PDB file of N, CA and C in Angstrom:
ATOM      1  N   MET A   1      85.898  66.004  89.519  1.00  0.00           N
ATOM      2  CA  MET A   1      86.117  65.703  90.918  1.00  0.00           C
ATOM      3  C   MET A   1      85.693  66.898  91.748  1.00  0.00           C
ATOM      4  N   GLU A   2      84.823  66.702  92.673  1.00  0.00           N
ATOM      5  CA  GLU A   2      84.308  67.800  93.473  1.00  0.00           C
ATOM      6  C   GLU A   2      84.968  67.790  94.843  1.00  0.00           C
ATOM      7  N   THR A   3      85.583  68.915  95.222  1.00  0.00           N
ATOM      8  CA  THR A   3      86.292  68.987  96.491  1.00  0.00           C
ATOM      9  C   THR A   3      85.567  69.837  97.509  1.00  0.00           C
ATOM     10  N   GLY A   4      84.507  70.500  97.105  1.00  0.00           N
ATOM     11  CA  GLY A   4      83.813  71.387  98.020  1.00  0.00           C
ATOM     12  C   GLY A   4      84.410  72.786  98.057  1.00  0.00           C
ATOM     13  N   ILE A   5      85.456  73.013  97.271  1.00  0.00           N
ATOM     14  CA  ILE A   5      86.100  74.320  97.223  1.00  0.00           C
ATOM     15  C   ILE A   5      85.800  74.947  95.872  1.00  0.00           C
ATOM     16  N   ALA A   6      85.247  76.145  95.884  1.00  0.00           N
ATOM     17  CA  ALA A   6      84.923  76.842  94.633  1.00  0.00           C
ATOM     18  C   ALA A   6      86.187  77.418  94.027  1.00  0.00           C
ATOM     19  N   ARG A   7      86.376  77.212  92.730  1.00  0.00           N
ATOM     20  CA  ARG A   7      87.522  77.806  92.040  1.00  0.00           C
ATOM     21  C   ARG A   7      87.327  79.310  91.952  1.00  0.00           C
ATOM     22  N   HIS A   8      88.415  80.032  91.924  1.00  0.00           N
ATOM     23  CA  HIS A   8      88.418  81.491  91.983  1.00  0.00           C
ATOM     24  C   HIS A   8      87.483  82.138  90.962  1.00  0.00           C
ATOM     25  N   GLY A   9      87.474  81.664  89.721  1.00  0.00           N
ATOM     26  CA  GLY A   9      86.675  82.302  88.675  1.00  0.00           C
ATOM     27  C   GLY A   9      85.316  81.665  88.454  1.00  0.00           C
ATOM     28  N   SER A  10      84.973  80.676  89.250  1.00  0.00           N
ATOM     29  CA  SER A  10      83.724  79.947  89.030  1.00  0.00           C
ATOM     30  C   SER A  10      82.521  80.739  89.521  1.00  0.00           C
ATOM     31  N   PRO A  11      81.335  80.418  89.013  1.00  0.00           N
ATOM     32  CA  PRO A  11      80.120  81.086  89.503  1.00  0.00           C
ATOM     33  C   PRO A  11      79.932  80.870  91.005  1.00  0.00           C
ATOM     34  N   GLU A  12      80.324  79.687  91.499  1.00  0.00           N
ATOM     35  CA  GLU A  12      80.193  79.414  92.935  1.00  0.00           C
ATOM     36  C   GLU A  12      81.090  80.345  93.745  1.00  0.00           C
ATOM     37  N   ALA A  13      82.299  80.595  93.239  1.00  0.00           N
ATOM     38  CA  ALA A  13      83.221  81.488  93.942  1.00  0.00           C
ATOM     39  C   ALA A  13      82.667  82.912  93.955  1.00  0.00           C
ATOM     40  N   LEU A  14      82.104  83.337  92.824  1.00  0.00           N
ATOM     41  CA  LEU A  14      81.521  84.669  92.756  1.00  0.00           C
ATOM     42  C   LEU A  14      80.378  84.799  93.752  1.00  0.00           C
ATOM     43  N   GLU A  15      79.502  83.801  93.772  1.00  0.00           N
ATOM     44  CA  GLU A  15      78.377  83.834  94.705  1.00  0.00           C
ATOM     45  C   GLU A  15      78.872  83.844  96.146  1.00  0.00           C
ATOM     46  N   SER A  16      79.893  83.057  96.424  1.00  0.00           N
ATOM     47  CA  SER A  16      80.448  83.000  97.769  1.00  0.00           C
ATOM     48  C   SER A  16      81.011  84.362  98.185  1.00  0.00           C
ATOM     49  N   ARG A  17      81.713  85.021  97.246  1.00  0.00           N
ATOM     50  CA  ARG A  17      82.278  86.337  97.550  1.00  0.00           C
ATOM     51  C   ARG A  17      81.185  87.368  97.764  1.00  0.00           C
ATOM     52  N   MET A  18      80.090  87.248  97.011  1.00  0.00           N
ATOM     53  CA  MET A  18      79.000  88.205  97.148  1.00  0.00           C
ATOM     54  C   MET A  18      78.392  88.112  98.545  1.00  0.00           C
ATOM     55  N   HIS A  19      78.342  86.911  99.091  1.00  0.00           N
ATOM     56  CA  HIS A  19      77.759  86.735 100.412  1.00  0.00           C
ATOM     57  C   HIS A  19      78.698  87.202 101.527  1.00  0.00           C
ATOM     58  N   ARG A  20      79.982  87.277 101.256  1.00  0.00           N
ATOM     59  CA  ARG A  20      80.930  87.711 102.281  1.00  0.00           C
ATOM     60  C   ARG A  20      81.052  89.219 102.340  1.00  0.00           C
ATOM     61  N   GLY A  21      80.567  89.898 101.357  1.00  0.00           N
ATOM     62  CA  GLY A  21      80.634  91.355 101.359  1.00  0.00           C
ATOM     63  C   GLY A  21      81.617  91.873 100.341  1.00  0.00           C
ATOM     64  N   THR A  22      81.350  93.055  99.864  1.00  0.00           N
ATOM     65  CA  THR A  22      82.164  93.613  98.795  1.00  0.00           C
ATOM     66  C   THR A  22      83.539  94.036  99.255  1.00  0.00           C
ATOM     67  N   ASN A  23      83.699  94.441 100.479  1.00  0.00           N
ATOM     68  CA  ASN A  23      85.010  94.902 100.919  1.00  0.00           C
ATOM     69  C   ASN A  23      86.061  93.815 100.817  1.00  0.00           C
ATOM     70  N   GLN A  24      85.755  92.631 101.319  1.00  0.00           N
ATOM     71  CA  GLN A  24      86.720  91.535 101.283  1.00  0.00           C
ATOM     72  C   GLN A  24      86.997  91.079  99.860  1.00  0.00           C
ATOM     73  N   SER A  25      85.958  90.871  99.075  1.00  0.00           N
ATOM     74  CA  SER A  25      86.171  90.400  97.707  1.00  0.00           C
ATOM     75  C   SER A  25      86.809  91.499  96.859  1.00  0.00           C
ATOM     76  N   GLY A  26      86.427  92.731  97.093  1.00  0.00           N
ATOM     77  CA  GLY A  26      87.032  93.842  96.357  1.00  0.00           C
ATOM     78  C   GLY A  26      88.507  93.982  96.662  1.00  0.00           C
ATOM     79  N   MET A  27      88.874  93.781  97.923  1.00  0.00           N
ATOM     80  CA  MET A  27      90.280  93.863  98.323  1.00  0.00           C
ATOM     81  C   MET A  27      91.072  92.712  97.705  1.00  0.00           C
ATOM     82  N   ARG A  28      90.496  91.528  97.704  1.00  0.00           N
ATOM     83  CA  ARG A  28      91.166  90.369  97.105  1.00  0.00           C
ATOM     84  C   ARG A  28      91.420  90.624  95.619  1.00  0.00           C
ATOM     85  N   ASP A  29      90.400  91.100  94.913  1.00  0.00           N
ATOM     86  CA  ASP A  29      90.542  91.388  93.483  1.00  0.00           C
ATOM     87  C   ASP A  29      91.582  92.478  93.239  1.00  0.00           C
ATOM     88  N   HIS A  30      91.559  93.505  94.073  1.00  0.00           N
ATOM     89  CA  HIS A  30      92.530  94.601  93.953  1.00  0.00           C
ATOM     90  C   HIS A  30      93.955  94.073  94.136  1.00  0.00           C
ATOM     91  N   ASN A  31      94.165  93.254  95.171  1.00  0.00           N
ATOM     92  CA  ASN A  31      95.497  92.708  95.429  1.00  0.00           C
ATOM     93  C   ASN A  31      95.970  91.828  94.281  1.00  0.00           C
ATOM     94  N   GLU A  32      95.058  91.043  93.716  1.00  0.00           N
ATOM     95  CA  GLU A  32      95.416  90.190  92.587  1.00  0.00           C
ATOM     96  C   GLU A  32      95.826  91.037  91.383  1.00  0.00           C
ATOM     97  N   ARG A  33      95.070  92.089  91.101  1.00  0.00           N
ATOM     98  CA  ARG A  33      95.417  92.979  89.981  1.00  0.00           C
ATOM     99  C   ARG A  33      96.759  93.656  90.232  1.00  0.00           C
ATOM    100  N   LEU A  34      97.022  94.029  91.483  1.00  0.00           N
ATOM    101  CA  LEU A  34      98.284  94.665  91.843  1.00  0.00           C
ATOM    102  C   LEU A  34      99.459  93.727  91.563  1.00  0.00           C
ATOM    103  N   VAL A  35      99.340  92.481  91.967  1.00  0.00           N
ATOM    104  CA  VAL A  35     100.400  91.494  91.734  1.00  0.00           C
ATOM    105  C   VAL A  35     100.583  91.257  90.232  1.00  0.00           C
ATOM    106  N   LEU A  36      99.488  91.088  89.502  1.00  0.00           N
ATOM    107  CA  LEU A  36      99.584  90.878  88.059  1.00  0.00           C
ATOM    108  C   LEU A  36     100.248  92.069  87.365  1.00  0.00           C
ATOM    109  N   SER A  37      99.921  93.254  87.806  1.00  0.00           N
ATOM    110  CA  SER A  37     100.507  94.478  87.242  1.00  0.00           C
ATOM    111  C   SER A  37     102.028  94.484  87.401  1.00  0.00           C
ATOM    112  N   LEU A  38     102.476  94.150  88.592  1.00  0.00           N
ATOM    113  CA  LEU A  38     103.925  94.125  88.840  1.00  0.00           C
ATOM    114  C   LEU A  38     104.624  93.095  87.961  1.00  0.00           C
ATOM    115  N   VAL A  39     104.023  91.922  87.834  1.00  0.00           N
ATOM    116  CA  VAL A  39     104.629  90.877  87.021  1.00  0.00           C
ATOM    117  C   VAL A  39     104.666  91.305  85.557  1.00  0.00           C
ATOM    118  N   ARG A  40     103.623  91.966  85.096  1.00  0.00           N
ATOM    119  CA  ARG A  40     103.621  92.467  83.706  1.00  0.00           C
ATOM    120  C   ARG A  40     104.716  93.506  83.502  1.00  0.00           C
ATOM    121  N   GLN A  41     104.875  94.405  84.468  1.00  0.00           N
ATOM    122  CA  GLN A  41     105.859  95.486  84.338  1.00  0.00           C
ATOM    123  C   GLN A  41     107.295  95.001  84.468  1.00  0.00           C
ATOM    124  N   HIS A  42     107.536  94.064  85.386  1.00  0.00           N
ATOM    125  CA  HIS A  42     108.902  93.697  85.732  1.00  0.00           C
ATOM    126  C   HIS A  42     109.308  92.301  85.294  1.00  0.00           C
ATOM    127  N   GLY A  43     108.375  91.521  84.753  1.00  0.00           N
ATOM    128  CA  GLY A  43     108.701  90.146  84.398  1.00  0.00           C
ATOM    129  C   GLY A  43     108.748  89.277  85.642  1.00  0.00           C
ATOM    130  N   SER A  44     109.588  88.281  85.601  1.00  0.00           N
ATOM    131  CA  SER A  44     109.689  87.323  86.694  1.00  0.00           C
ATOM    132  C   SER A  44     110.197  88.005  87.968  1.00  0.00           C
ATOM    133  N   LEU A  45     109.462  87.819  89.059  1.00  0.00           N
ATOM    134  CA  LEU A  45     109.849  88.388  90.350  1.00  0.00           C
ATOM    135  C   LEU A  45     109.703  87.320  91.430  1.00  0.00           C
ATOM    136  N   ALA A  46     110.565  87.388  92.422  1.00  0.00           N
ATOM    137  CA  ALA A  46     110.422  86.509  93.587  1.00  0.00           C
ATOM    138  C   ALA A  46     109.223  86.975  94.413  1.00  0.00           C
ATOM    139  N   LYS A  47     108.564  86.026  95.063  1.00  0.00           N
ATOM    140  CA  LYS A  47     107.408  86.381  95.895  1.00  0.00           C
ATOM    141  C   LYS A  47     107.804  87.376  96.982  1.00  0.00           C
ATOM    142  N   SER A  48     109.017  87.241  97.507  1.00  0.00           N
ATOM    143  CA  SER A  48     109.465  88.174  98.545  1.00  0.00           C
ATOM    144  C   SER A  48     109.585  89.597  97.986  1.00  0.00           C
ATOM    145  N   ASP A  49     110.011  89.715  96.719  1.00  0.00           N
ATOM    146  CA  ASP A  49     110.092  91.035  96.081  1.00  0.00           C
ATOM    147  C   ASP A  49     108.698  91.613  95.856  1.00  0.00           C
ATOM    148  N   ILE A  50     107.763  90.753  95.437  1.00  0.00           N
ATOM    149  CA  ILE A  50     106.390  91.214  95.244  1.00  0.00           C
ATOM    150  C   ILE A  50     105.810  91.707  96.564  1.00  0.00           C
ATOM    151  N   ALA A  51     106.052  90.969  97.634  1.00  0.00           N
ATOM    152  CA  ALA A  51     105.554  91.365  98.956  1.00  0.00           C
ATOM    153  C   ALA A  51     106.142  92.717  99.358  1.00  0.00           C
ATOM    154  N   ARG A  52     107.440  92.872  99.166  1.00  0.00           N
ATOM    155  CA  ARG A  52     108.102  94.136  99.531  1.00  0.00           C
ATOM    156  C   ARG A  52     107.578  95.300  98.704  1.00  0.00           C
ATOM    157  N   MET A  53     107.411  95.083  97.396  1.00  0.00           N
ATOM    158  CA  MET A  53     106.992  96.152  96.495  1.00  0.00           C
ATOM    159  C   MET A  53     105.530  96.560  96.695  1.00  0.00           C
ATOM    160  N   THR A  54     104.695  95.615  97.110  1.00  0.00           N
ATOM    161  CA  THR A  54     103.265  95.901  97.262  1.00  0.00           C
ATOM    162  C   THR A  54     102.868  96.248  98.687  1.00  0.00           C
ATOM    163  N   GLY A  55     103.685  95.834  99.648  1.00  0.00           N
ATOM    164  CA  GLY A  55     103.305  96.014 101.042  1.00  0.00           C
ATOM    165  C   GLY A  55     102.379  94.908 101.537  1.00  0.00           C
ATOM    166  N   LEU A  56     102.123  93.905 100.685  1.00  0.00           N
ATOM    167  CA  LEU A  56     101.299  92.772 101.089  1.00  0.00           C
ATOM    168  C   LEU A  56     102.162  91.801 101.895  1.00  0.00           C
ATOM    169  N   SER A  57     101.518  91.002 102.729  1.00  0.00           N
ATOM    170  CA  SER A  57     102.260  90.008 103.496  1.00  0.00           C
ATOM    171  C   SER A  57     102.753  88.913 102.560  1.00  0.00           C
ATOM    172  N   ALA A  58     103.822  88.236 102.991  1.00  0.00           N
ATOM    173  CA  ALA A  58     104.360  87.125 102.201  1.00  0.00           C
ATOM    174  C   ALA A  58     103.292  86.045 102.022  1.00  0.00           C
ATOM    175  N   GLN A  59     102.496  85.801 103.052  1.00  0.00           N
ATOM    176  CA  GLN A  59     101.449  84.792 102.962  1.00  0.00           C
ATOM    177  C   GLN A  59     100.396  85.190 101.928  1.00  0.00           C
ATOM    178  N   THR A  60      99.991  86.451 101.920  1.00  0.00           N
ATOM    179  CA  THR A  60      99.004  86.926 100.945  1.00  0.00           C
ATOM    180  C   THR A  60      99.531  86.759  99.525  1.00  0.00           C
ATOM    181  N   VAL A  61     100.776  87.124  99.307  1.00  0.00           N
ATOM    182  CA  VAL A  61     101.376  86.989  97.978  1.00  0.00           C
ATOM    183  C   VAL A  61     101.432  85.517  97.575  1.00  0.00           C
ATOM    184  N   SER A  62     101.785  84.645  98.504  1.00  0.00           N
ATOM    185  CA  SER A  62     101.844  83.212  98.201  1.00  0.00           C
ATOM    186  C   SER A  62     100.482  82.680  97.795  1.00  0.00           C
ATOM    187  N   VAL A  63      99.437  83.092  98.506  1.00  0.00           N
ATOM    188  CA  VAL A  63      98.080  82.644  98.180  1.00  0.00           C
ATOM    189  C   VAL A  63      97.687  83.141  96.794  1.00  0.00           C
ATOM    190  N   ILE A  64      97.946  84.411  96.512  1.00  0.00           N
ATOM    191  CA  ILE A  64      97.606  84.987  95.206  1.00  0.00           C
ATOM    192  C   ILE A  64      98.364  84.271  94.091  1.00  0.00           C
ATOM    193  N   MET A  65      99.663  84.055  94.287  1.00  0.00           N
ATOM    194  CA  MET A  65     100.470  83.396  93.256  1.00  0.00           C
ATOM    195  C   MET A  65     100.000  81.968  93.025  1.00  0.00           C
ATOM    196  N   ARG A  66      99.662  81.254  94.083  1.00  0.00           N
ATOM    197  CA  ARG A  66      99.169  79.880  93.941  1.00  0.00           C
ATOM    198  C   ARG A  66      97.869  79.855  93.131  1.00  0.00           C
ATOM    199  N   GLU A  67      96.970  80.800  93.426  1.00  0.00           N
ATOM    200  CA  GLU A  67      95.710  80.876  92.675  1.00  0.00           C
ATOM    201  C   GLU A  67      95.963  81.206  91.207  1.00  0.00           C
ATOM    202  N   LEU A  68      96.875  82.137  90.945  1.00  0.00           N
ATOM    203  CA  LEU A  68      97.180  82.497  89.572  1.00  0.00           C
ATOM    204  C   LEU A  68      97.809  81.330  88.817  1.00  0.00           C
ATOM    205  N   GLU A  69      98.690  80.605  89.498  1.00  0.00           N
ATOM    206  CA  GLU A  69      99.326  79.438  88.874  1.00  0.00           C
ATOM    207  C   GLU A  69      98.274  78.360  88.596  1.00  0.00           C
ATOM    208  N   ASN A  70      97.370  78.143  89.530  1.00  0.00           N
ATOM    209  CA  ASN A  70      96.291  77.153  89.330  1.00  0.00           C
ATOM    210  C   ASN A  70      95.400  77.538  88.154  1.00  0.00           C
ATOM    211  N   ASP A  71      95.238  78.848  87.931  1.00  0.00           N
ATOM    212  CA  ASP A  71      94.439  79.341  86.807  1.00  0.00           C
ATOM    213  C   ASP A  71      95.266  79.463  85.523  1.00  0.00           C
ATOM    214  N   LYS A  72      96.494  78.941  85.550  1.00  0.00           N
ATOM    215  CA  LYS A  72      97.410  78.941  84.394  1.00  0.00           C
ATOM    216  C   LYS A  72      97.812  80.354  83.968  1.00  0.00           C
ATOM    217  N   LEU A  73      97.825  81.277  84.915  1.00  0.00           N
ATOM    218  CA  LEU A  73      98.288  82.633  84.618  1.00  0.00           C
ATOM    219  C   LEU A  73      99.707  82.751  85.118  1.00  0.00           C
TER     220      LEU A  73
END
């Protein structure tokens, strides 16, 4: 089923990020690694705790967590 939205790890998503510039895609990747790191270190955490610990907005954390859950991580 094609929705017109590139999945995070797909070649289309990579190409899309390349066209938007490295700063934005690099920051997104960095934030995702930061969230994954915290979850590895501390186990299960509330999104509000992740936001507080990282300094990321609650909305950013929600988007990252949704993407990770969609990717079965």
